[in-house]
N, C-alpha and C. Protein backbone atom coordinates (compact mmCIF):
# COMPACT_ATOMS: atom_id res chain seq x y z
N MET A 1 67.33 168.69 92.80
CA MET A 1 68.49 169.06 93.59
C MET A 1 68.17 168.86 95.07
N SER A 2 69.06 168.20 95.78
CA SER A 2 68.81 167.90 97.19
C SER A 2 69.21 169.07 98.07
N THR A 3 68.58 169.16 99.21
CA THR A 3 68.90 170.19 100.18
C THR A 3 70.11 169.76 100.99
N LYS A 4 71.01 170.71 101.23
CA LYS A 4 72.20 170.40 102.00
C LYS A 4 71.82 170.15 103.46
N LYS A 5 72.41 169.11 104.02
CA LYS A 5 72.13 168.77 105.41
C LYS A 5 73.06 169.51 106.35
N TYR A 6 74.29 169.75 105.92
CA TYR A 6 75.30 170.41 106.74
C TYR A 6 75.73 171.71 106.08
N HIS A 7 75.75 172.78 106.85
CA HIS A 7 76.09 174.10 106.32
C HIS A 7 77.37 174.61 106.97
N VAL A 8 78.30 175.06 106.13
CA VAL A 8 79.58 175.58 106.60
C VAL A 8 79.44 177.09 106.79
N THR A 9 79.66 177.53 108.02
CA THR A 9 79.69 178.97 108.32
C THR A 9 80.96 179.25 109.09
N LEU A 10 81.90 179.87 108.42
CA LEU A 10 83.20 180.16 109.01
C LEU A 10 83.19 181.51 109.72
N THR A 11 83.95 181.60 110.80
CA THR A 11 84.17 182.88 111.46
C THR A 11 85.23 183.64 110.66
N PRO A 12 85.31 184.95 110.83
CA PRO A 12 86.37 185.69 110.13
C PRO A 12 87.77 185.15 110.46
N ALA A 13 88.00 184.73 111.70
CA ALA A 13 89.31 184.19 112.09
C ALA A 13 89.60 182.88 111.37
N GLU A 14 88.59 182.00 111.26
CA GLU A 14 88.76 180.74 110.54
C GLU A 14 89.04 180.99 109.06
N ARG A 15 88.32 181.94 108.50
CA ARG A 15 88.51 182.29 107.09
C ARG A 15 89.94 182.78 106.85
N GLU A 16 90.44 183.62 107.75
CA GLU A 16 91.81 184.12 107.62
C GLU A 16 92.83 182.99 107.76
N GLN A 17 92.57 182.06 108.68
CA GLN A 17 93.47 180.93 108.87
C GLN A 17 93.54 180.07 107.60
N LEU A 18 92.40 179.85 106.97
CA LEU A 18 92.37 179.07 105.72
C LEU A 18 93.11 179.79 104.60
N LYS A 19 92.91 181.09 104.51
CA LYS A 19 93.61 181.87 103.48
C LYS A 19 95.11 181.84 103.70
N GLU A 20 95.53 181.84 104.96
CA GLU A 20 96.95 181.79 105.30
C GLU A 20 97.55 180.43 104.90
N ILE A 21 96.82 179.35 105.15
CA ILE A 21 97.27 178.01 104.77
C ILE A 21 97.48 177.94 103.26
N ILE A 22 96.54 178.50 102.52
CA ILE A 22 96.62 178.48 101.06
C ILE A 22 97.76 179.37 100.58
N ARG A 23 97.88 180.56 101.16
CA ARG A 23 98.90 181.52 100.73
C ARG A 23 100.31 180.99 100.95
N LYS A 24 100.55 180.39 102.13
CA LYS A 24 101.88 179.88 102.44
C LYS A 24 102.23 178.67 101.58
N GLY A 25 101.28 177.76 101.39
CA GLY A 25 101.52 176.58 100.57
C GLY A 25 102.49 175.58 101.18
N LYS A 26 102.74 175.66 102.48
CA LYS A 26 103.71 174.78 103.14
C LYS A 26 103.07 173.56 103.77
N GLN A 27 101.79 173.42 103.68
CA GLN A 27 101.07 172.29 104.26
C GLN A 27 100.95 171.17 103.22
N ALA A 28 100.43 170.03 103.66
CA ALA A 28 100.16 168.92 102.75
C ALA A 28 99.14 169.37 101.70
N ALA A 29 99.28 168.86 100.51
CA ALA A 29 98.38 169.24 99.41
C ALA A 29 96.92 168.98 99.76
N ALA A 30 96.65 167.88 100.43
CA ALA A 30 95.27 167.55 100.79
C ALA A 30 94.70 168.57 101.78
N LYS A 31 95.53 169.06 102.68
CA LYS A 31 95.07 170.07 103.64
C LYS A 31 94.77 171.38 102.93
N ILE A 32 95.62 171.75 101.98
CA ILE A 32 95.38 172.96 101.20
C ILE A 32 94.09 172.82 100.40
N ARG A 33 93.86 171.63 99.85
CA ARG A 33 92.63 171.39 99.10
C ARG A 33 91.40 171.53 100.01
N ARG A 34 91.49 170.97 101.22
CA ARG A 34 90.36 171.09 102.17
C ARG A 34 90.13 172.55 102.54
N ALA A 35 91.21 173.33 102.65
CA ALA A 35 91.08 174.76 102.94
C ALA A 35 90.32 175.46 101.81
N HIS A 36 90.69 175.15 100.58
CA HIS A 36 89.97 175.72 99.42
C HIS A 36 88.49 175.35 99.46
N LEU A 37 88.21 174.08 99.73
CA LEU A 37 86.83 173.61 99.73
C LEU A 37 86.01 174.27 100.83
N LEU A 38 86.59 174.41 102.01
CA LEU A 38 85.86 175.06 103.11
C LEU A 38 85.58 176.53 102.79
N LEU A 39 86.56 177.22 102.23
CA LEU A 39 86.33 178.61 101.85
C LEU A 39 85.23 178.73 100.80
N ALA A 40 85.25 177.82 99.83
CA ALA A 40 84.24 177.85 98.77
C ALA A 40 82.85 177.55 99.32
N ALA A 41 82.77 176.68 100.30
CA ALA A 41 81.47 176.26 100.85
C ALA A 41 80.94 177.21 101.92
N ASP A 42 81.75 178.17 102.34
CA ASP A 42 81.37 179.08 103.42
C ASP A 42 80.12 179.87 103.07
N GLU A 43 79.09 179.73 103.90
CA GLU A 43 77.81 180.39 103.68
C GLU A 43 77.62 181.61 104.59
N ALA A 44 78.62 181.94 105.39
CA ALA A 44 78.53 183.09 106.28
C ALA A 44 78.67 184.39 105.49
N GLU A 45 78.34 185.49 106.14
CA GLU A 45 78.51 186.81 105.53
C GLU A 45 79.98 186.98 105.17
N GLY A 46 80.24 187.34 103.92
CA GLY A 46 81.62 187.49 103.46
C GLY A 46 82.19 186.21 102.88
N GLY A 47 81.45 185.11 102.95
CA GLY A 47 81.91 183.84 102.39
C GLY A 47 81.64 183.77 100.90
N LEU A 48 82.24 182.80 100.23
CA LEU A 48 82.07 182.65 98.78
C LEU A 48 80.69 182.13 98.41
N LYS A 49 80.10 181.32 99.27
CA LYS A 49 78.75 180.78 99.07
C LYS A 49 78.58 180.08 97.72
N MET A 50 79.59 179.30 97.34
CA MET A 50 79.49 178.54 96.09
C MET A 50 78.57 177.34 96.29
N THR A 51 77.88 176.95 95.24
CA THR A 51 77.06 175.75 95.31
C THR A 51 77.99 174.54 95.23
N ASP A 52 77.47 173.40 95.63
CA ASP A 52 78.27 172.17 95.57
C ASP A 52 78.68 171.86 94.13
N GLU A 53 77.80 172.13 93.20
CA GLU A 53 78.11 171.88 91.78
C GLU A 53 79.24 172.80 91.31
N GLN A 54 79.22 174.05 91.73
CA GLN A 54 80.31 174.98 91.38
C GLN A 54 81.63 174.53 92.00
N ILE A 55 81.59 174.09 93.26
CA ILE A 55 82.78 173.61 93.95
C ILE A 55 83.33 172.39 93.22
N LYS A 56 82.44 171.49 92.86
CA LYS A 56 82.82 170.26 92.15
C LYS A 56 83.57 170.59 90.86
N ARG A 57 83.02 171.50 90.06
CA ARG A 57 83.65 171.86 88.78
C ARG A 57 84.94 172.64 88.99
N THR A 58 84.95 173.54 89.94
CA THR A 58 86.13 174.39 90.15
C THR A 58 87.32 173.63 90.70
N TYR A 59 87.07 172.74 91.68
CA TYR A 59 88.17 172.06 92.36
C TYR A 59 88.32 170.59 91.96
N HIS A 60 87.52 170.15 91.02
CA HIS A 60 87.61 168.78 90.49
C HIS A 60 87.52 167.72 91.59
N VAL A 61 86.49 167.82 92.40
CA VAL A 61 86.22 166.84 93.45
C VAL A 61 84.80 166.33 93.28
N SER A 62 84.51 165.21 93.92
CA SER A 62 83.16 164.65 93.83
C SER A 62 82.22 165.37 94.80
N LEU A 63 80.94 165.26 94.51
CA LEU A 63 79.95 165.83 95.43
C LEU A 63 80.04 165.17 96.79
N ARG A 64 80.31 163.89 96.80
CA ARG A 64 80.41 163.15 98.06
C ARG A 64 81.57 163.68 98.91
N THR A 65 82.68 164.05 98.28
CA THR A 65 83.82 164.62 99.01
C THR A 65 83.40 165.91 99.70
N ILE A 66 82.66 166.74 98.99
CA ILE A 66 82.18 168.01 99.56
C ILE A 66 81.23 167.73 100.72
N GLU A 67 80.32 166.79 100.53
CA GLU A 67 79.35 166.45 101.58
C GLU A 67 80.07 165.95 102.84
N ARG A 68 81.07 165.07 102.66
CA ARG A 68 81.80 164.54 103.82
C ARG A 68 82.56 165.64 104.55
N LEU A 69 83.16 166.57 103.81
CA LEU A 69 83.89 167.67 104.43
C LEU A 69 82.94 168.56 105.21
N ARG A 70 81.81 168.88 104.64
CA ARG A 70 80.79 169.68 105.36
C ARG A 70 80.38 168.98 106.66
N GLN A 71 80.13 167.69 106.57
CA GLN A 71 79.71 166.92 107.73
C GLN A 71 80.78 166.92 108.82
N ARG A 72 82.03 166.70 108.44
CA ARG A 72 83.12 166.73 109.43
C ARG A 72 83.25 168.10 110.07
N PHE A 73 83.08 169.16 109.28
CA PHE A 73 83.17 170.51 109.81
C PHE A 73 82.08 170.74 110.86
N VAL A 74 80.84 170.36 110.54
CA VAL A 74 79.72 170.59 111.46
C VAL A 74 79.80 169.69 112.70
N GLU A 75 80.08 168.41 112.50
CA GLU A 75 80.05 167.45 113.61
C GLU A 75 81.31 167.45 114.46
N GLU A 76 82.48 167.69 113.85
CA GLU A 76 83.73 167.54 114.59
C GLU A 76 84.53 168.83 114.73
N GLY A 77 84.17 169.86 113.98
CA GLY A 77 84.82 171.15 114.15
C GLY A 77 85.82 171.51 113.06
N PHE A 78 86.23 172.77 113.12
CA PHE A 78 87.11 173.36 112.12
C PHE A 78 88.44 172.64 112.01
N GLU A 79 89.14 172.46 113.13
CA GLU A 79 90.48 171.85 113.10
C GLU A 79 90.44 170.42 112.59
N VAL A 80 89.44 169.65 113.01
CA VAL A 80 89.33 168.25 112.58
C VAL A 80 89.04 168.17 111.08
N ALA A 81 88.20 169.08 110.59
CA ALA A 81 87.86 169.07 109.17
C ALA A 81 89.08 169.34 108.29
N LEU A 82 90.04 170.09 108.82
CA LEU A 82 91.26 170.38 108.06
C LEU A 82 92.23 169.22 108.02
N GLN A 83 92.19 168.37 109.02
CA GLN A 83 93.15 167.27 109.14
C GLN A 83 92.71 166.07 108.31
N ALA A 84 93.69 165.27 107.91
CA ALA A 84 93.40 164.03 107.20
C ALA A 84 92.70 163.07 108.16
N LYS A 85 91.76 162.34 107.65
CA LYS A 85 91.04 161.39 108.48
C LYS A 85 91.94 160.20 108.79
N SER A 86 92.00 159.83 110.05
CA SER A 86 92.85 158.72 110.48
C SER A 86 92.29 157.40 109.96
N SER A 87 93.19 156.55 109.51
CA SER A 87 92.77 155.25 109.00
C SER A 87 92.72 154.20 110.10
N GLY A 88 93.05 154.60 111.34
CA GLY A 88 92.99 153.66 112.45
C GLY A 88 94.32 152.99 112.74
N GLY A 89 95.35 153.34 112.04
CA GLY A 89 96.67 152.77 112.32
C GLY A 89 96.90 151.47 111.59
N PRO A 90 98.10 150.96 111.69
CA PRO A 90 98.43 149.72 110.99
C PRO A 90 97.71 148.52 111.59
N GLN A 91 97.37 147.58 110.75
CA GLN A 91 96.73 146.36 111.21
C GLN A 91 97.80 145.32 111.50
N VAL A 92 97.63 144.63 112.61
CA VAL A 92 98.57 143.59 113.00
C VAL A 92 97.96 142.25 112.63
N ILE A 93 98.73 141.45 111.91
CA ILE A 93 98.26 140.13 111.50
C ILE A 93 98.91 139.11 112.43
N LYS A 94 98.08 138.36 113.11
CA LYS A 94 98.59 137.34 114.03
C LYS A 94 98.64 136.00 113.31
N ILE A 95 99.76 135.32 113.48
CA ILE A 95 99.92 134.00 112.86
C ILE A 95 99.65 132.94 113.92
N ASP A 96 98.66 132.11 113.64
CA ASP A 96 98.34 131.04 114.58
C ASP A 96 99.11 129.77 114.21
N GLY A 97 98.92 128.73 114.97
CA GLY A 97 99.65 127.47 114.77
C GLY A 97 99.40 126.85 113.42
N GLU A 98 98.17 126.96 112.93
CA GLU A 98 97.83 126.35 111.64
C GLU A 98 98.59 127.04 110.50
N VAL A 99 98.66 128.35 110.53
CA VAL A 99 99.38 129.09 109.50
C VAL A 99 100.87 128.78 109.59
N GLU A 100 101.40 128.75 110.80
CA GLU A 100 102.82 128.45 110.98
C GLU A 100 103.15 127.05 110.47
N ALA A 101 102.28 126.07 110.76
CA ALA A 101 102.53 124.70 110.29
C ALA A 101 102.52 124.65 108.77
N HIS A 102 101.60 125.35 108.16
CA HIS A 102 101.53 125.40 106.70
C HIS A 102 102.80 126.04 106.14
N ASP A 103 103.25 127.12 106.77
CA ASP A 103 104.46 127.81 106.34
C ASP A 103 105.68 126.90 106.44
N ARG A 104 105.78 126.18 107.53
CA ARG A 104 106.91 125.26 107.70
C ARG A 104 106.87 124.15 106.66
N ALA A 105 105.69 123.61 106.41
CA ALA A 105 105.56 122.54 105.43
C ALA A 105 105.94 123.04 104.04
N ALA A 106 105.52 124.24 103.71
CA ALA A 106 105.85 124.82 102.40
C ALA A 106 107.35 125.05 102.29
N ALA A 107 107.97 125.52 103.35
CA ALA A 107 109.42 125.76 103.33
C ALA A 107 110.17 124.45 103.18
N GLY A 108 109.71 123.42 103.87
CA GLY A 108 110.36 122.11 103.77
C GLY A 108 110.21 121.53 102.39
N ALA A 109 109.04 121.68 101.78
CA ALA A 109 108.79 121.13 100.45
C ALA A 109 109.61 121.87 99.41
N SER A 110 109.79 123.16 99.58
CA SER A 110 110.56 123.91 98.58
C SER A 110 112.05 123.64 98.69
N ALA A 111 112.47 123.07 99.83
CA ALA A 111 113.89 122.73 100.00
C ALA A 111 114.21 121.38 99.36
N GLY A 112 113.21 120.75 98.79
CA GLY A 112 113.45 119.48 98.11
C GLY A 112 113.05 118.30 98.96
N GLY A 113 112.71 118.50 100.20
CA GLY A 113 112.31 117.41 101.07
C GLY A 113 110.81 117.35 101.21
N SER A 114 110.33 116.22 101.62
CA SER A 114 108.89 116.09 101.80
C SER A 114 108.50 116.32 103.25
N GLU A 115 109.49 116.36 104.13
CA GLU A 115 109.23 116.55 105.55
C GLU A 115 109.29 118.03 105.90
N PRO A 116 108.46 118.47 106.82
CA PRO A 116 108.57 119.86 107.27
C PRO A 116 109.90 120.07 107.99
N LEU A 117 110.36 121.30 108.03
CA LEU A 117 111.61 121.63 108.68
C LEU A 117 111.50 121.43 110.18
N ASP A 118 112.59 121.01 110.83
CA ASP A 118 112.58 120.89 112.28
C ASP A 118 112.83 122.27 112.89
N ASP A 119 112.78 122.36 114.22
CA ASP A 119 112.91 123.65 114.90
C ASP A 119 114.25 124.32 114.62
N ASP A 120 115.35 123.56 114.57
CA ASP A 120 116.64 124.16 114.27
C ASP A 120 116.65 124.77 112.88
N ALA A 121 116.10 124.04 111.94
CA ALA A 121 116.09 124.53 110.57
C ALA A 121 115.18 125.75 110.43
N ALA A 122 114.02 125.72 111.08
CA ALA A 122 113.07 126.82 110.99
C ALA A 122 113.63 128.08 111.63
N ALA A 123 114.52 127.94 112.59
CA ALA A 123 115.10 129.09 113.27
C ALA A 123 116.19 129.73 112.43
N GLY A 124 116.48 129.22 111.26
CA GLY A 124 117.45 129.83 110.36
C GLY A 124 118.84 129.23 110.48
N ARG A 125 118.97 128.15 111.21
CA ARG A 125 120.27 127.50 111.30
C ARG A 125 120.51 126.68 110.04
N LYS A 126 121.56 125.99 110.00
CA LYS A 126 121.97 125.24 108.82
C LYS A 126 120.79 124.53 108.14
N ASP A 127 120.66 124.74 106.84
CA ASP A 127 119.60 124.18 106.01
C ASP A 127 118.21 124.68 106.43
N GLY A 128 118.13 125.81 107.08
CA GLY A 128 116.83 126.30 107.55
C GLY A 128 116.07 127.09 106.52
N ARG A 129 114.95 127.59 106.95
CA ARG A 129 114.03 128.32 106.09
C ARG A 129 114.69 129.57 105.51
N THR A 130 115.54 130.22 106.28
CA THR A 130 116.19 131.42 105.80
C THR A 130 117.01 131.13 104.56
N GLU A 131 117.74 130.04 104.58
CA GLU A 131 118.56 129.68 103.45
C GLU A 131 117.67 129.27 102.26
N VAL A 132 116.57 128.59 102.54
CA VAL A 132 115.65 128.18 101.48
C VAL A 132 115.11 129.41 100.78
N CYS A 133 114.69 130.41 101.55
CA CYS A 133 114.15 131.64 100.95
C CYS A 133 115.22 132.31 100.13
N GLY A 134 116.46 132.32 100.63
CA GLY A 134 117.56 132.96 99.91
C GLY A 134 117.78 132.33 98.55
N GLN A 135 117.61 131.03 98.44
CA GLN A 135 117.83 130.33 97.18
C GLN A 135 116.80 130.79 96.13
N HIS A 136 115.61 131.14 96.57
CA HIS A 136 114.57 131.54 95.63
C HIS A 136 114.81 132.92 95.08
N PHE A 137 115.55 133.76 95.78
CA PHE A 137 115.79 135.12 95.33
C PHE A 137 117.06 135.27 94.53
N VAL A 138 117.87 134.25 94.47
CA VAL A 138 119.14 134.34 93.75
C VAL A 138 118.95 134.11 92.29
């Protein structure tokens, strides 16, 4: 059995805040789950002091989930540990000239012609790419 690197010790105020989150049940399910896990992992006086194996069996989470939550609590604090981890926001995909040329050629080929669409057609005007795409969905 490995020794825990990060130890959760909640203050009485933090413990009460977690109990309130669980009692109300108005938060996101993941936040309520993190509240349960932090309470279970609390090693302070008055805490549940459950082992990671007990937490795993009781709350049906992996040991790694418990370890990551402990680490976030110690390194980033109580409030951050309760919040969902940010994924960094949406990724923006930039289309360069090569991709655009390929797209135009594919649109022209699917319209029955062997030539790529001209600028008027690509802009969705008569016989443009918009109409070609529409034909495929009908």
